[in-house]
Amino acid sequence: MRSFLSCSLSWMAMAFSIVGLAALSPGLMPAQDKTSSTSATTNVTADYPKDRSGVFIQSLDWIAIRAAMPSKTRVKHGLAASLTYGAVPAPIIAEYDGLHAQVQVESSRPVICICRVLSLPGTPVLVRLHANPKKNLREFDGGRMPVIGAKIADATQNDLIPADVSQPEDTVWLVQPRQALPPGEYALMLGTQNVSIFPFTVAAAMVTPSPAKP
């Protein structure tokens, strides 16, 4: 039994590593993502960077967002599902260090540019992260997945943010939430079946007090 559990954990760690590499090097993997009902092709427009490659979010200027891998991944209800050889799905939680992302914007409907990328592993989607102040981290609820199976993590429908996606050029994608986002933690995912994300924080807008009347 101990050897089986050890083998299961090793398999899970290897699977997460493979998917993380695919997300960081999207041109190396073919697209294998399902089309999300929360993303629609539409005419999102923006004066995006013309001579830069990577993922950027629009603020006063375009800010680069670096990919983040989880500091820890865990099965929500322990290892019970592994004893069934993957027959019972188990929720996966991915943890990311810090309560807030390094990139913070005040715009509630920011435009994100995936610039000069040859191909994507799946449909770009926006997801909500959950802050955990007790552990000083953000959590991504990976939904339900077989512990031993094809999917590594699948964003739950409740955490998917309805977004519009356009492709003004062959190697450029623009993503924008359809509605204003409340202050909180979010991330761009290149397909819903990986745990490498591009996190950002929507910060509360600064309110300038009105001058006192004489």
Protein backbone atom coordinates (compact mmCIF):
# COMPACT_ATOMS: atom_id res chain seq x y z
CA MET A 1 0.00 0.00 0.00
CA ARG A 2 2.82 2.43 0.88
CA SER A 3 4.56 1.74 -2.42
CA PHE A 4 1.31 2.33 -4.32
CA LEU A 5 0.72 5.69 -2.61
CA SER A 6 4.32 6.70 -3.26
CA CYS A 7 3.92 5.78 -6.94
CA SER A 8 0.66 7.75 -7.17
CA LEU A 9 2.24 10.86 -5.68
CA SER A 10 5.23 10.61 -8.00
CA TRP A 11 2.92 10.30 -10.99
CA MET A 12 0.97 13.39 -9.94
CA ALA A 13 4.15 15.47 -9.49
CA MET A 14 5.39 14.42 -12.93
CA ALA A 15 2.06 15.28 -14.53
CA PHE A 16 2.01 18.77 -13.02
CA SER A 17 5.56 19.40 -14.21
CA ILE A 18 4.73 18.39 -17.78
CA VAL A 19 1.69 20.63 -17.96
CA GLY A 20 3.57 23.54 -16.42
CA LEU A 21 6.24 23.27 -19.10
CA ALA A 22 3.56 23.15 -21.79
CA ALA A 23 2.02 26.36 -20.51
CA LEU A 24 5.35 28.17 -20.32
CA SER A 25 6.33 26.98 -23.82
CA PRO A 26 2.99 26.91 -25.63
CA GLY A 27 4.53 26.42 -29.05
CA LEU A 28 5.82 22.99 -27.98
CA MET A 29 2.40 21.45 -27.40
CA PRO A 30 -0.65 21.09 -29.66
CA ALA A 31 -3.93 22.61 -28.53
CA GLN A 32 -5.94 20.12 -26.50
CA ASP A 33 -8.37 22.38 -24.68
CA LYS A 34 -12.12 22.33 -24.87
CA THR A 35 -13.87 25.49 -26.05
CA SER A 36 -15.10 27.38 -23.01
CA SER A 37 -18.62 28.77 -23.02
CA THR A 38 -17.32 31.71 -21.00
CA SER A 39 -15.06 32.92 -23.81
CA ALA A 40 -16.40 34.37 -27.04
CA THR A 41 -14.61 35.67 -30.10
CA THR A 42 -15.44 39.33 -30.51
CA ASN A 43 -13.90 42.62 -31.52
CA VAL A 44 -11.77 43.57 -28.50
CA THR A 45 -9.57 46.46 -29.57
CA ALA A 46 -6.54 48.11 -27.98
CA ASP A 47 -3.33 49.83 -28.99
CA TYR A 48 -1.27 46.82 -27.95
CA PRO A 49 2.56 46.58 -27.99
CA LYS A 50 3.76 46.06 -31.54
CA ASP A 51 7.38 45.11 -30.83
CA ARG A 52 7.20 43.04 -27.61
CA SER A 53 6.41 39.41 -26.95
CA GLY A 54 4.79 37.89 -23.88
CA VAL A 55 1.68 38.55 -21.81
CA PHE A 56 0.83 42.16 -20.94
CA ILE A 57 -2.03 43.92 -19.15
CA GLN A 58 -3.14 47.46 -19.90
CA SER A 59 -2.87 50.05 -17.16
CA LEU A 60 -1.43 53.53 -17.66
CA ASP A 61 1.04 51.60 -19.78
CA TRP A 62 1.30 47.94 -20.77
CA ILE A 63 2.69 45.89 -17.88
CA ALA A 64 4.28 42.47 -18.40
CA ILE A 65 2.77 39.57 -16.45
CA ARG A 66 5.09 36.67 -15.69
CA ALA A 67 3.84 33.11 -15.56
CA ALA A 68 3.48 31.69 -12.05
CA MET A 69 3.60 28.07 -11.03
CA PRO A 70 1.97 26.92 -7.79
CA SER A 71 4.13 26.59 -4.72
CA LYS A 72 2.04 23.58 -3.76
CA THR A 73 -0.73 21.43 -5.18
CA ARG A 74 -2.93 19.20 -3.10
CA VAL A 75 -5.97 16.99 -3.31
CA LYS A 76 -8.85 18.67 -1.50
CA HIS A 77 -10.04 15.53 0.29
CA GLY A 78 -6.78 13.70 0.80
CA LEU A 79 -5.63 10.65 -1.14
CA ALA A 80 -8.82 8.61 -0.96
CA ALA A 81 -9.39 8.93 -4.68
CA SER A 82 -5.96 7.50 -5.52
CA LEU A 83 -6.97 4.20 -3.97
CA THR A 84 -9.65 3.80 -6.63
CA TYR A 85 -7.14 4.06 -9.51
CA GLY A 86 -8.70 7.32 -10.65
CA ALA A 87 -12.29 6.07 -10.75
CA VAL A 88 -13.43 8.77 -8.32
CA PRO A 89 -12.64 12.40 -9.27
CA ALA A 90 -10.85 14.48 -6.64
CA PRO A 91 -10.76 18.28 -6.37
CA ILE A 92 -7.28 19.74 -6.88
CA ILE A 93 -6.21 22.96 -5.15
CA ALA A 94 -3.21 24.91 -6.44
CA GLU A 95 -1.57 27.38 -4.03
CA TYR A 96 0.33 30.51 -5.08
CA ASP A 97 2.50 32.50 -2.68
CA GLY A 98 1.31 35.89 -1.46
CA LEU A 99 -2.11 37.43 -0.96
CA HIS A 100 -1.71 39.64 -4.01
CA ALA A 101 -0.06 39.44 -7.41
CA GLN A 102 2.98 41.54 -8.26
CA VAL A 103 1.01 43.15 -11.09
CA GLN A 104 -1.85 45.35 -9.85
CA VAL A 105 -4.24 47.45 -11.92
CA GLU A 106 -7.12 49.74 -11.03
CA SER A 107 -9.09 49.19 -14.22
CA SER A 108 -12.06 46.90 -13.59
CA ARG A 109 -12.14 45.78 -17.24
CA PRO A 110 -8.47 45.52 -18.17
CA VAL A 111 -7.39 44.36 -21.60
CA ILE A 112 -4.77 41.60 -21.63
CA CYS A 113 -2.56 41.10 -24.67
CA ILE A 114 -0.94 37.77 -25.50
CA CYS A 115 1.63 39.21 -27.89
CA ARG A 116 3.78 37.48 -30.50
CA VAL A 117 3.13 33.91 -29.38
CA LEU A 118 3.26 31.29 -32.13
CA SER A 119 0.44 29.13 -30.74
CA LEU A 120 -1.61 28.56 -27.60
CA PRO A 121 -2.28 25.27 -25.79
CA GLY A 122 -5.95 26.20 -25.43
CA THR A 123 -8.52 28.98 -25.37
CA PRO A 124 -7.40 31.94 -23.21
CA VAL A 125 -9.63 32.25 -20.14
CA LEU A 126 -9.81 34.43 -17.05
CA VAL A 127 -10.23 32.82 -13.63
CA ARG A 128 -10.81 33.98 -10.09
CA LEU A 129 -8.33 33.15 -7.32
CA HIS A 130 -9.24 32.92 -3.64
CA ALA A 131 -7.14 34.72 -1.03
CA ASN A 132 -6.23 32.75 2.10
CA PRO A 133 -4.99 35.29 4.68
CA LYS A 134 -4.17 32.61 7.25
CA LYS A 135 -1.62 31.02 4.93
CA ASN A 136 -0.64 34.23 3.09
CA LEU A 137 -1.41 32.74 -0.31
CA ARG A 138 -3.93 32.60 -3.13
CA GLU A 139 -5.72 29.41 -4.07
CA PHE A 140 -7.00 28.17 -7.40
CA ASP A 141 -9.79 25.61 -7.22
CA GLY A 142 -8.93 23.13 -9.95
CA GLY A 143 -12.36 21.55 -9.99
CA ARG A 144 -12.82 17.81 -10.18
CA MET A 145 -10.30 15.60 -11.94
CA PRO A 146 -9.14 11.98 -11.88
CA VAL A 147 -6.04 11.62 -9.72
CA ILE A 148 -4.76 9.25 -12.39
CA GLY A 149 -6.19 10.48 -15.68
CA ALA A 150 -5.79 12.79 -18.63
CA LYS A 151 -6.71 16.15 -17.11
CA ILE A 152 -4.30 17.84 -14.74
CA ALA A 153 -6.59 20.62 -13.53
CA ASP A 154 -9.81 22.04 -14.87
CA ALA A 155 -11.05 25.44 -13.77
CA THR A 156 -14.44 25.18 -12.12
CA GLN A 157 -17.27 26.90 -13.93
CA ASN A 158 -17.92 29.19 -10.96
CA ASP A 159 -14.38 30.56 -11.07
CA LEU A 160 -14.34 31.23 -14.80
CA ILE A 161 -14.79 34.91 -15.67
CA PRO A 162 -16.90 35.58 -18.79
CA ALA A 163 -14.52 37.21 -21.24
CA ASP A 164 -14.28 38.33 -24.84
CA VAL A 165 -11.33 37.27 -26.98
CA SER A 166 -10.17 38.68 -30.31
CA GLN A 167 -7.22 37.90 -32.54
CA PRO A 168 -6.19 41.00 -34.48
CA GLU A 169 -3.09 39.22 -35.81
CA ASP A 170 -2.02 35.60 -36.24
CA THR A 171 0.21 35.75 -33.16
CA VAL A 172 -1.73 38.26 -31.04
CA TRP A 173 -4.75 37.67 -28.79
CA LEU A 174 -6.66 40.29 -26.79
CA VAL A 175 -8.71 39.24 -23.75
CA GLN A 176 -11.13 41.42 -21.77
CA PRO A 177 -13.71 40.58 -19.08
CA ARG A 178 -17.25 41.23 -20.27
CA GLN A 179 -18.24 42.94 -17.06
CA ALA A 180 -16.44 45.03 -14.45
CA LEU A 181 -14.42 42.96 -12.01
CA PRO A 182 -14.69 43.74 -8.31
CA PRO A 183 -11.38 44.23 -6.49
CA GLY A 184 -9.74 40.87 -6.02
CA GLU A 185 -7.33 38.27 -7.36
CA TYR A 186 -7.50 36.98 -10.91
CA ALA A 187 -5.40 35.22 -13.50
CA LEU A 188 -5.15 34.50 -17.20
CA MET A 189 -4.88 30.84 -18.14
CA LEU A 190 -3.89 29.63 -21.59
CA GLY A 191 -6.48 26.88 -21.57
CA THR A 192 -8.31 25.56 -18.50
CA GLN A 193 -6.32 22.36 -18.09
CA ASN A 194 -3.08 23.56 -16.52
CA VAL A 195 -1.92 25.24 -13.35
CA SER A 196 0.57 27.71 -14.82
CA ILE A 197 -1.16 31.09 -14.63
CA PHE A 198 -0.55 34.78 -15.32
CA PRO A 199 -1.84 36.41 -12.11
CA PHE A 200 -2.96 39.99 -11.57
CA THR A 201 -4.78 41.96 -8.89
CA VAL A 202 -7.65 44.35 -9.51
CA ALA A 203 -7.09 46.97 -6.83
CA ALA A 204 -9.71 49.32 -5.47
CA ALA A 205 -9.52 52.69 -7.20
CA MET A 206 -8.05 55.50 -5.13
CA VAL A 207 -10.70 58.04 -4.18
CA THR A 208 -9.49 61.63 -4.12
CA PRO A 209 -11.33 63.57 -1.42
CA SER A 210 -13.14 66.66 -2.58
CA PRO A 211 -11.69 69.95 -1.31
CA ALA A 212 -13.54 71.42 1.63
CA LYS A 213 -15.87 74.24 0.80
CA PRO A 214 -14.86 77.61 2.26
